[in-house]
Every structure is written in structure tokens, then in C-alpha cells.
Amino acid sequence: EATRLAYGTDEAAEGRESFLEKRDPDWSPFPWYY
């Protein structure tokens, strides 16, 4: 369940798409919480 939640996020989608398009990911629309 946790894996599905992690891979279902918009950040994960950007990571997958950027990898498939062979470009650097652009995570600037997503704020970083630490």
C-alpha cells in the first residue's frame, strides 16, 4: 500500500516521464518539506 501511494504522486510521475524522455526532472512546482 505504501509503495502504491509513493509511486502514485505527481512527483513520481515527473520522475518517470523525465527518465523516459531522457531529460533532467523539473521538480520546481513541488515544494520540498523536510
PDB file of N, CA and C in Angstrom:
ATOM      1  N   GLU A   1       0.827  -1.199   0.000  1.00  0.00           N
ATOM      2  CA  GLU A   1       0.000   0.000   0.000  1.00  0.00           C
ATOM      3  C   GLU A   1       0.866   1.256   0.000  1.00  0.00           C
ATOM      4  N   ALA A   2       1.892   1.274   0.821  1.00  0.00           N
ATOM      5  CA  ALA A   2       2.765   2.455   0.877  1.00  0.00           C
ATOM      6  C   ALA A   2       3.480   2.672  -0.452  1.00  0.00           C
ATOM      7  N   THR A   3       3.852   1.593  -1.104  1.00  0.00           N
ATOM      8  CA  THR A   3       4.522   1.718  -2.406  1.00  0.00           C
ATOM      9  C   THR A   3       3.590   2.350  -3.426  1.00  0.00           C
ATOM     10  N   ARG A   4       2.342   1.934  -3.431  1.00  0.00           N
ATOM     11  CA  ARG A   4       1.373   2.499  -4.373  1.00  0.00           C
ATOM     12  C   ARG A   4       1.180   3.981  -4.125  1.00  0.00           C
ATOM     13  N   LEU A   5       1.117   4.368  -2.865  1.00  0.00           N
ATOM     14  CA  LEU A   5       0.953   5.779  -2.539  1.00  0.00           C
ATOM     15  C   LEU A   5       2.160   6.596  -2.976  1.00  0.00           C
ATOM     16  N   ALA A   6       3.354   6.055  -2.805  1.00  0.00           N
ATOM     17  CA  ALA A   6       4.566   6.784  -3.176  1.00  0.00           C
ATOM     18  C   ALA A   6       4.687   6.921  -4.689  1.00  0.00           C
ATOM     19  N   TYR A   7       4.417   5.850  -5.411  1.00  0.00           N
ATOM     20  CA  TYR A   7       4.570   5.888  -6.867  1.00  0.00           C
ATOM     21  C   TYR A   7       3.396   6.567  -7.556  1.00  0.00           C
ATOM     22  N   GLY A   8       2.339   6.850  -6.846  1.00  0.00           N
ATOM     23  CA  GLY A   8       1.180   7.492  -7.438  1.00  0.00           C
ATOM     24  C   GLY A   8       1.193   9.004  -7.341  1.00  0.00           C
ATOM     25  N   THR A   9       2.246   9.571  -6.773  1.00  0.00           N
ATOM     26  CA  THR A   9       2.294  11.020  -6.595  1.00  0.00           C
ATOM     27  C   THR A   9       2.690  11.720  -7.891  1.00  0.00           C
ATOM     28  N   ASP A  10       2.421  13.014  -7.959  1.00  0.00           N
ATOM     29  CA  ASP A  10       2.805  13.813  -9.119  1.00  0.00           C
ATOM     30  C   ASP A  10       4.326  13.888  -9.251  1.00  0.00           C
ATOM     31  N   GLU A  11       5.020  13.891  -8.117  1.00  0.00           N
ATOM     32  CA  GLU A  11       6.481  13.915  -8.154  1.00  0.00           C
ATOM     33  C   GLU A  11       7.021  12.651  -8.823  1.00  0.00           C
ATOM     34  N   ALA A  12       6.438  11.510  -8.502  1.00  0.00           N
ATOM     35  CA  ALA A  12       6.871  10.254  -9.110  1.00  0.00           C
ATOM     36  C   ALA A  12       6.572  10.249 -10.603  1.00  0.00           C
ATOM     37  N   ALA A  13       5.433  10.791 -10.987  1.00  0.00           N
ATOM     38  CA  ALA A  13       5.094  10.862 -12.410  1.00  0.00           C
ATOM     39  C   ALA A  13       6.105  11.716 -13.162  1.00  0.00           C
ATOM     40  N   GLU A  14       6.508  12.840 -12.586  1.00  0.00           N
ATOM     41  CA  GLU A  14       7.520  13.689 -13.216  1.00  0.00           C
ATOM     42  C   GLU A  14       8.843  12.943 -13.337  1.00  0.00           C
ATOM     43  N   GLY A  15       9.215  12.193 -12.318  1.00  0.00           N
ATOM     44  CA  GLY A  15      10.446  11.414 -12.372  1.00  0.00           C
ATOM     45  C   GLY A  15      10.412  10.361 -13.463  1.00  0.00           C
ATOM     46  N   ARG A  16       9.298   9.646 -13.569  1.00  0.00           N
ATOM     47  CA  ARG A  16       9.164   8.631 -14.621  1.00  0.00           C
ATOM     48  C   ARG A  16       9.203   9.261 -16.007  1.00  0.00           C
ATOM     49  N   GLU A  17       8.420  10.321 -16.200  1.00  0.00           N
ATOM     50  CA  GLU A  17       8.349  10.957 -17.517  1.00  0.00           C
ATOM     51  C   GLU A  17       9.689  11.540 -17.930  1.00  0.00           C
ATOM     52  N   SER A  18      10.380  12.178 -17.003  1.00  0.00           N
ATOM     53  CA  SER A  18      11.676  12.763 -17.344  1.00  0.00           C
ATOM     54  C   SER A  18      12.688  11.668 -17.682  1.00  0.00           C
ATOM     55  N   PHE A  19      12.628  10.541 -16.998  1.00  0.00           N
ATOM     56  CA  PHE A  19      13.535   9.435 -17.301  1.00  0.00           C
ATOM     57  C   PHE A  19      13.257   8.882 -18.695  1.00  0.00           C
ATOM     58  N   LEU A  20      11.990   8.694 -19.012  1.00  0.00           N
ATOM     59  CA  LEU A  20      11.640   8.145 -20.320  1.00  0.00           C
ATOM     60  C   LEU A  20      11.958   9.123 -21.447  1.00  0.00           C
ATOM     61  N   GLU A  21      11.864  10.426 -21.166  1.00  0.00           N
ATOM     62  CA  GLU A  21      12.181  11.447 -22.171  1.00  0.00           C
ATOM     63  C   GLU A  21      13.662  11.802 -22.176  1.00  0.00           C
ATOM     64  N   LYS A  22      14.445  11.143 -21.309  1.00  0.00           N
ATOM     65  CA  LYS A  22      15.888  11.369 -21.203  1.00  0.00           C
ATOM     66  C   LYS A  22      16.220  12.843 -20.957  1.00  0.00           C
ATOM     67  N   ARG A  23      15.555  13.415 -19.966  1.00  0.00           N
ATOM     68  CA  ARG A  23      15.816  14.798 -19.576  1.00  0.00           C
ATOM     69  C   ARG A  23      15.918  14.863 -18.060  1.00  0.00           C
ATOM     70  N   ASP A  24      16.452  15.979 -17.572  1.00  0.00           N
ATOM     71  CA  ASP A  24      16.524  16.171 -16.126  1.00  0.00           C
ATOM     72  C   ASP A  24      15.131  16.458 -15.585  1.00  0.00           C
ATOM     73  N   PRO A  25      14.785  15.901 -14.437  1.00  0.00           N
ATOM     74  CA  PRO A  25      13.466  16.166 -13.858  1.00  0.00           C
ATOM     75  C   PRO A  25      13.351  17.603 -13.374  1.00  0.00           C
ATOM     76  N   ASP A  26      12.153  18.150 -13.499  1.00  0.00           N
ATOM     77  CA  ASP A  26      11.878  19.509 -13.025  1.00  0.00           C
ATOM     78  C   ASP A  26      10.877  19.404 -11.885  1.00  0.00           C
ATOM     79  N   TRP A  27      11.397  19.408 -10.670  1.00  0.00           N
ATOM     80  CA  TRP A  27      10.539  19.293  -9.501  1.00  0.00           C
ATOM     81  C   TRP A  27      10.248  20.652  -8.878  1.00  0.00           C
ATOM     82  N   SER A  28      10.484  21.741  -9.600  1.00  0.00           N
ATOM     83  CA  SER A  28      10.267  23.074  -9.031  1.00  0.00           C
ATOM     84  C   SER A  28       8.802  23.343  -8.648  1.00  0.00           C
ATOM     85  N   PRO A  29       7.805  22.770  -9.330  1.00  0.00           N
ATOM     86  CA  PRO A  29       6.424  23.016  -8.890  1.00  0.00           C
ATOM     87  C   PRO A  29       6.073  22.358  -7.559  1.00  0.00           C
ATOM     88  N   PHE A  30       6.931  21.452  -7.087  1.00  0.00           N
ATOM     89  CA  PHE A  30       6.634  20.708  -5.873  1.00  0.00           C
ATOM     90  C   PHE A  30       7.488  21.228  -4.729  1.00  0.00           C
ATOM     91  N   PRO A  31       6.876  21.757  -3.685  1.00  0.00           N
ATOM     92  CA  PRO A  31       7.670  22.252  -2.548  1.00  0.00           C
ATOM     93  C   PRO A  31       8.364  21.109  -1.815  1.00  0.00           C
ATOM     94  N   TRP A  32       9.509  21.410  -1.241  1.00  0.00           N
ATOM     95  CA  TRP A  32      10.302  20.416  -0.511  1.00  0.00           C
ATOM     96  C   TRP A  32      10.041  20.578   0.978  1.00  0.00           C
ATOM     97  N   TYR A  33       9.503  19.548   1.596  1.00  0.00           N
ATOM     98  CA  TYR A  33       9.246  19.573   3.034  1.00  0.00           C
ATOM     99  C   TYR A  33      10.261  18.678   3.713  1.00  0.00           C
ATOM    100  N   TYR A  34      10.959  19.216   4.706  1.00  0.00           N
ATOM    101  CA  TYR A  34      11.962  18.419   5.394  1.00  0.00           C
ATOM    102  C   TYR A  34      11.805  18.555   6.876  1.00  0.00           C
TER     103      TYR A  34
END
